[in-house]
Amino acid sequence: MDQSIIRYRIRNKSYLCLSPEEAVSTGVTAGEQIVERVILRTTLGWRCQEFAVIRTEPIEQLAKLDPLKREELIFTNRREAIEFLNSQPSGLFILCAIVETQTVPKEEIESPSEFNLDRIISQGWTLFQKPEEDKKP
């Protein structure tokens, strides 16, 4: 079974972040107050409306990069996503389908100064899996 990959973004921004706190730390203006959880799959379905290109490095290495320089991006057009993917070094990025977006309640978002990579890892969010709910017998 294809596993979920979780990223976050500020609504209407095209770059992806590792946590809601990281998304908030990139700068939120008055009109961009909504943080979204973006659920991705590496299996592309024909019904997909949006696509993302994400890096293949371990999450510990991704956390060291500035979210804007990481270049994990959302595309509304598959052709544009593939063009971006082809313009990058081979194997550095993968193409994913966005299967769902969910609004992250403000109560779930900690202060950006409290962003903690160990917390993300301890919750089970790794590059190609999400916690137990995605593992069906």
C-alpha atoms as a PDB file:
ATOM      1  CA  MET A   1       0.000   0.000   0.000  1.00  0.00           C
ATOM      2  CA  ASP A   2       1.230   3.452  -0.870  1.00  0.00           C
ATOM      3  CA  GLN A   3       1.961   5.388   2.317  1.00  0.00           C
ATOM      4  CA  SER A   4       1.080   8.984   3.092  1.00  0.00           C
ATOM      5  CA  ILE A   5       3.594  11.786   3.260  1.00  0.00           C
ATOM      6  CA  ILE A   6       2.618  14.758   5.388  1.00  0.00           C
ATOM      7  CA  ARG A   7       3.643  18.344   4.840  1.00  0.00           C
ATOM      8  CA  TYR A   8       2.185  21.703   5.882  1.00  0.00           C
ATOM      9  CA  ARG A   9       1.636  25.003   4.188  1.00  0.00           C
ATOM     10  CA  ILE A  10       0.101  28.400   4.658  1.00  0.00           C
ATOM     11  CA  ARG A  11      -3.055  28.437   2.512  1.00  0.00           C
ATOM     12  CA  ASN A  12      -2.378  29.907  -0.939  1.00  0.00           C
ATOM     13  CA  LYS A  13       1.406  29.514  -0.633  1.00  0.00           C
ATOM     14  CA  SER A  14       3.115  27.049  -2.945  1.00  0.00           C
ATOM     15  CA  TYR A  15       5.962  25.932  -0.666  1.00  0.00           C
ATOM     16  CA  LEU A  16       5.707  23.077   1.813  1.00  0.00           C
ATOM     17  CA  CYS A  17       6.957  22.838   5.389  1.00  0.00           C
ATOM     18  CA  LEU A  18       7.664  19.979   7.807  1.00  0.00           C
ATOM     19  CA  SER A  19       5.394  21.211  10.613  1.00  0.00           C
ATOM     20  CA  PRO A  20       2.688  23.790  11.224  1.00  0.00           C
ATOM     21  CA  GLU A  21       5.154  25.732  13.385  1.00  0.00           C
ATOM     22  CA  GLU A  22       7.664  25.857  10.554  1.00  0.00           C
ATOM     23  CA  ALA A  23       4.926  27.104   8.209  1.00  0.00           C
ATOM     24  CA  VAL A  24       4.019  29.896  10.639  1.00  0.00           C
ATOM     25  CA  SER A  25       7.691  30.813  11.040  1.00  0.00           C
ATOM     26  CA  THR A  26       7.972  31.570   7.308  1.00  0.00           C
ATOM     27  CA  GLY A  27       5.814  34.625   7.862  1.00  0.00           C
ATOM     28  CA  VAL A  28       2.061  34.909   7.976  1.00  0.00           C
ATOM     29  CA  THR A  29       0.213  38.028   6.845  1.00  0.00           C
ATOM     30  CA  ALA A  30      -3.325  38.982   7.816  1.00  0.00           C
ATOM     31  CA  GLY A  31      -4.861  37.263   4.793  1.00  0.00           C
ATOM     32  CA  GLU A  32      -2.847  34.039   5.225  1.00  0.00           C
ATOM     33  CA  GLN A  33      -3.815  32.890   8.683  1.00  0.00           C
ATOM     34  CA  ILE A  34      -4.802  29.345   7.762  1.00  0.00           C
ATOM     35  CA  VAL A  35      -2.284  26.524   8.092  1.00  0.00           C
ATOM     36  CA  GLU A  36      -3.103  23.375   6.149  1.00  0.00           C
ATOM     37  CA  ARG A  37      -1.931  19.792   6.538  1.00  0.00           C
ATOM     38  CA  VAL A  38      -1.212  18.445   3.049  1.00  0.00           C
ATOM     39  CA  ILE A  39      -1.463  14.680   2.622  1.00  0.00           C
ATOM     40  CA  LEU A  40       0.535  13.343  -0.305  1.00  0.00           C
ATOM     41  CA  ARG A  41       0.877   9.977  -2.027  1.00  0.00           C
ATOM     42  CA  THR A  42       3.570   8.844  -4.422  1.00  0.00           C
ATOM     43  CA  THR A  43       1.013   6.961  -6.521  1.00  0.00           C
ATOM     44  CA  LEU A  44      -0.519   9.468  -8.909  1.00  0.00           C
ATOM     45  CA  GLY A  45      -4.214   9.059  -9.549  1.00  0.00           C
ATOM     46  CA  TRP A  46      -5.936  10.368 -12.637  1.00  0.00           C
ATOM     47  CA  ARG A  47      -8.349  12.332 -10.444  1.00  0.00           C
ATOM     48  CA  CYS A  48      -5.638  14.417  -8.768  1.00  0.00           C
ATOM     49  CA  GLN A  49      -6.165  18.151  -8.924  1.00  0.00           C
ATOM     50  CA  GLU A  50      -2.831  19.204  -7.431  1.00  0.00           C
ATOM     51  CA  PHE A  51       0.674  17.808  -7.303  1.00  0.00           C
ATOM     52  CA  ALA A  52       3.739  18.341  -5.162  1.00  0.00           C
ATOM     53  CA  VAL A  53       7.432  17.843  -5.713  1.00  0.00           C
ATOM     54  CA  ILE A  54       9.252  16.930  -2.519  1.00  0.00           C
ATOM     55  CA  ARG A  55      12.826  16.062  -1.600  1.00  0.00           C
ATOM     56  CA  THR A  56      13.942  12.489  -0.944  1.00  0.00           C
ATOM     57  CA  GLU A  57      16.485  13.204   1.817  1.00  0.00           C
ATOM     58  CA  PRO A  58      15.882  12.080   5.422  1.00  0.00           C
ATOM     59  CA  ILE A  59      13.685  14.398   7.457  1.00  0.00           C
ATOM     60  CA  GLU A  60      16.621  15.245   9.739  1.00  0.00           C
ATOM     61  CA  GLN A  61      18.487  16.732   6.774  1.00  0.00           C
ATOM     62  CA  LEU A  62      15.397  18.493   5.431  1.00  0.00           C
ATOM     63  CA  ALA A  63      14.897  20.213   8.784  1.00  0.00           C
ATOM     64  CA  LYS A  64      18.319  21.853   8.422  1.00  0.00           C
ATOM     65  CA  LEU A  65      17.237  23.605   5.219  1.00  0.00           C
ATOM     66  CA  ASP A  66      15.213  26.805   5.123  1.00  0.00           C
ATOM     67  CA  PRO A  67      11.685  25.915   3.929  1.00  0.00           C
ATOM     68  CA  LEU A  68      11.892  28.375   1.025  1.00  0.00           C
ATOM     69  CA  LYS A  69      15.285  27.041  -0.102  1.00  0.00           C
ATOM     70  CA  ARG A  70      14.125  23.431   0.256  1.00  0.00           C
ATOM     71  CA  GLU A  71      12.025  23.929  -2.899  1.00  0.00           C
ATOM     72  CA  GLU A  72       9.307  21.467  -1.939  1.00  0.00           C
ATOM     73  CA  LEU A  73       6.498  22.964  -3.987  1.00  0.00           C
ATOM     74  CA  ILE A  74       2.842  22.520  -4.899  1.00  0.00           C
ATOM     75  CA  PHE A  75       1.694  22.701  -8.518  1.00  0.00           C
ATOM     76  CA  THR A  76      -1.839  22.900  -9.886  1.00  0.00           C
ATOM     77  CA  ASN A  77      -0.676  21.428 -13.171  1.00  0.00           C
ATOM     78  CA  ARG A  78       1.028  18.046 -13.551  1.00  0.00           C
ATOM     79  CA  ARG A  79       3.030  19.226 -16.579  1.00  0.00           C
ATOM     80  CA  GLU A  80       4.560  22.105 -14.594  1.00  0.00           C
ATOM     81  CA  ALA A  81       5.405  19.755 -11.721  1.00  0.00           C
ATOM     82  CA  ILE A  82       7.152  17.346 -14.091  1.00  0.00           C
ATOM     83  CA  GLU A  83       9.041  20.208 -15.768  1.00  0.00           C
ATOM     84  CA  PHE A  84      10.293  21.356 -12.353  1.00  0.00           C
ATOM     85  CA  LEU A  85      11.200  17.773 -11.409  1.00  0.00           C
ATOM     86  CA  ASN A  86      13.139  17.312 -14.662  1.00  0.00           C
ATOM     87  CA  SER A  87      15.048  20.561 -14.089  1.00  0.00           C
ATOM     88  CA  GLN A  88      16.476  19.245 -10.795  1.00  0.00           C
ATOM     89  CA  PRO A  89      19.283  16.727 -10.184  1.00  0.00           C
ATOM     90  CA  SER A  90      18.089  13.166 -10.710  1.00  0.00           C
ATOM     91  CA  GLY A  91      16.853  11.430  -7.559  1.00  0.00           C
ATOM     92  CA  LEU A  92      16.721  14.584  -5.418  1.00  0.00           C
ATOM     93  CA  PHE A  93      12.932  15.040  -5.724  1.00  0.00           C
ATOM     94  CA  ILE A  94       9.869  12.872  -6.262  1.00  0.00           C
ATOM     95  CA  LEU A  95       6.470  13.715  -7.719  1.00  0.00           C
ATOM     96  CA  CYS A  96       3.464  13.211  -5.438  1.00  0.00           C
ATOM     97  CA  ALA A  97      -0.273  13.615  -5.723  1.00  0.00           C
ATOM     98  CA  ILE A  98      -2.087  15.741  -3.179  1.00  0.00           C
ATOM     99  CA  VAL A  99      -4.904  13.533  -1.947  1.00  0.00           C
ATOM    100  CA  GLU A 100      -6.235  15.712   0.844  1.00  0.00           C
ATOM    101  CA  THR A 101      -5.764  18.997   2.659  1.00  0.00           C
ATOM    102  CA  GLN A 102      -6.957  19.643   6.199  1.00  0.00           C
ATOM    103  CA  THR A 103      -7.079  22.866   8.148  1.00  0.00           C
ATOM    104  CA  VAL A 104      -4.843  22.720  11.226  1.00  0.00           C
ATOM    105  CA  PRO A 105      -6.629  24.186  14.268  1.00  0.00           C
ATOM    106  CA  LYS A 106      -4.735  27.052  15.868  1.00  0.00           C
ATOM    107  CA  GLU A 107      -4.747  25.140  19.166  1.00  0.00           C
ATOM    108  CA  GLU A 108      -2.486  22.485  17.577  1.00  0.00           C
ATOM    109  CA  ILE A 109       0.152  25.005  16.513  1.00  0.00           C
ATOM    110  CA  GLU A 110       2.888  25.729  19.014  1.00  0.00           C
ATOM    111  CA  SER A 111       4.981  28.853  19.031  1.00  0.00           C
ATOM    112  CA  PRO A 112       7.446  28.787  16.092  1.00  0.00           C
ATOM    113  CA  SER A 113      10.250  29.239  18.620  1.00  0.00           C
ATOM    114  CA  GLU A 114       9.210  25.886  20.116  1.00  0.00           C
ATOM    115  CA  PHE A 115       9.575  24.007  16.804  1.00  0.00           C
ATOM    116  CA  ASN A 116      11.112  20.673  17.672  1.00  0.00           C
ATOM    117  CA  LEU A 117      12.267  18.147  15.076  1.00  0.00           C
ATOM    118  CA  ASP A 118      12.421  15.418  17.726  1.00  0.00           C
ATOM    119  CA  ARG A 119       8.688  15.920  18.367  1.00  0.00           C
ATOM    120  CA  ILE A 120       7.896  15.423  14.675  1.00  0.00           C
ATOM    121  CA  ILE A 121      10.003  12.266  14.534  1.00  0.00           C
ATOM    122  CA  SER A 122       8.561  10.912  17.801  1.00  0.00           C
ATOM    123  CA  GLN A 123       5.026  11.316  16.426  1.00  0.00           C
ATOM    124  CA  GLY A 124       5.963   8.955  13.636  1.00  0.00           C
ATOM    125  CA  TRP A 125       5.943  11.437  10.745  1.00  0.00           C
ATOM    126  CA  THR A 126       8.772  10.371   8.501  1.00  0.00           C
ATOM    127  CA  LEU A 127       9.281  10.959   4.832  1.00  0.00           C
ATOM    128  CA  PHE A 128       7.259   8.004   3.576  1.00  0.00           C
ATOM    129  CA  GLN A 129       4.896   7.094   6.364  1.00  0.00           C
ATOM    130  CA  LYS A 130       2.484   8.498   8.857  1.00  0.00           C
ATOM    131  CA  PRO A 131       1.421   7.100  12.231  1.00  0.00           C
ATOM    132  CA  GLU A 132      -0.417   3.838  12.750  1.00  0.00           C
ATOM    133  CA  GLU A 133      -3.756   4.935  11.255  1.00  0.00           C
ATOM    134  CA  ASP A 134      -2.313   4.461   7.759  1.00  0.00           C
ATOM    135  CA  LYS A 135      -1.231   0.884   8.419  1.00  0.00           C
ATOM    136  CA  LYS A 136      -4.143  -1.439   7.778  1.00  0.00           C
ATOM    137  CA  PRO A 137      -3.923  -5.215   8.270  1.00  0.00           C
END
